[in-house]
Amino acid sequence: MDKKPQGGNTLLEELSSIPGGEKVRLCIQCGSCTASCPNADKMQYAPRQLIAMARAGMRDEVLSANSMWYCASCYLCTVRCPRDIKPTELMHALECISAKQRMSNPKVRTPVMYKTFAHFVYSTGYVPEARFMALFYFATNPLNAIKMIPTALSMVRHGRLSIKAERMKPEAERQLKTILDKAKELGGAS
């Protein structure tokens, strides 16, 4: 794990170096991002707080928080920011840094879902929705999987969940594998 060097803020430097993160230092802490966020009440630290903490060099606290994993990617924060900062992009960058440093909050299941999905698609070329979700729930919370059976059956009845795995088109599969290979090459968690 990277530690903050004397007089430096490596997290702020990392965020500033990614597309969408270059303006993080311009944040005036107005709170527009937090007021716009539909999931702020679920986050350990609201978007405004997370930005302030990152700027203050609180690397471990920021990267182990659940906040970025609750980002719904609705972009309301980005649209409403008066300084043209891109909080949604920052949240996704923090997810990547957190996963890469293996600092993800253990109570957050999103990283497990990302890895499970990537594994399924990469190894089989299929998107087995029902099997994928079943394995995800069994890997993260088996009792919750049992509770979800009525919902799953209702989704199947209404055509919202496919039992049959659908094969990706060859070009789409090749493109996705290229993306996943590049992510792994860049240090993405496997």
Foldseek 3Di string as FASTA:
>chain_A
DDAAPVPGQVLLVLQCPDVLSVCLVVDPLPCQLQVQFPCQVVWPHGLSRLSVCSVVNVLLVNLATCHLVPGPPPQSSQVPDPSNRRSVVSSVSSPQVSQLVVNYHLLRLVVVLVVLQLVCCLVPQWRQFVVSVLVSCVVNPNVVSVVCVVVVVVCVVVVNHDRDIDHDDPVVSVVSNVVVVVCVVVRGDD
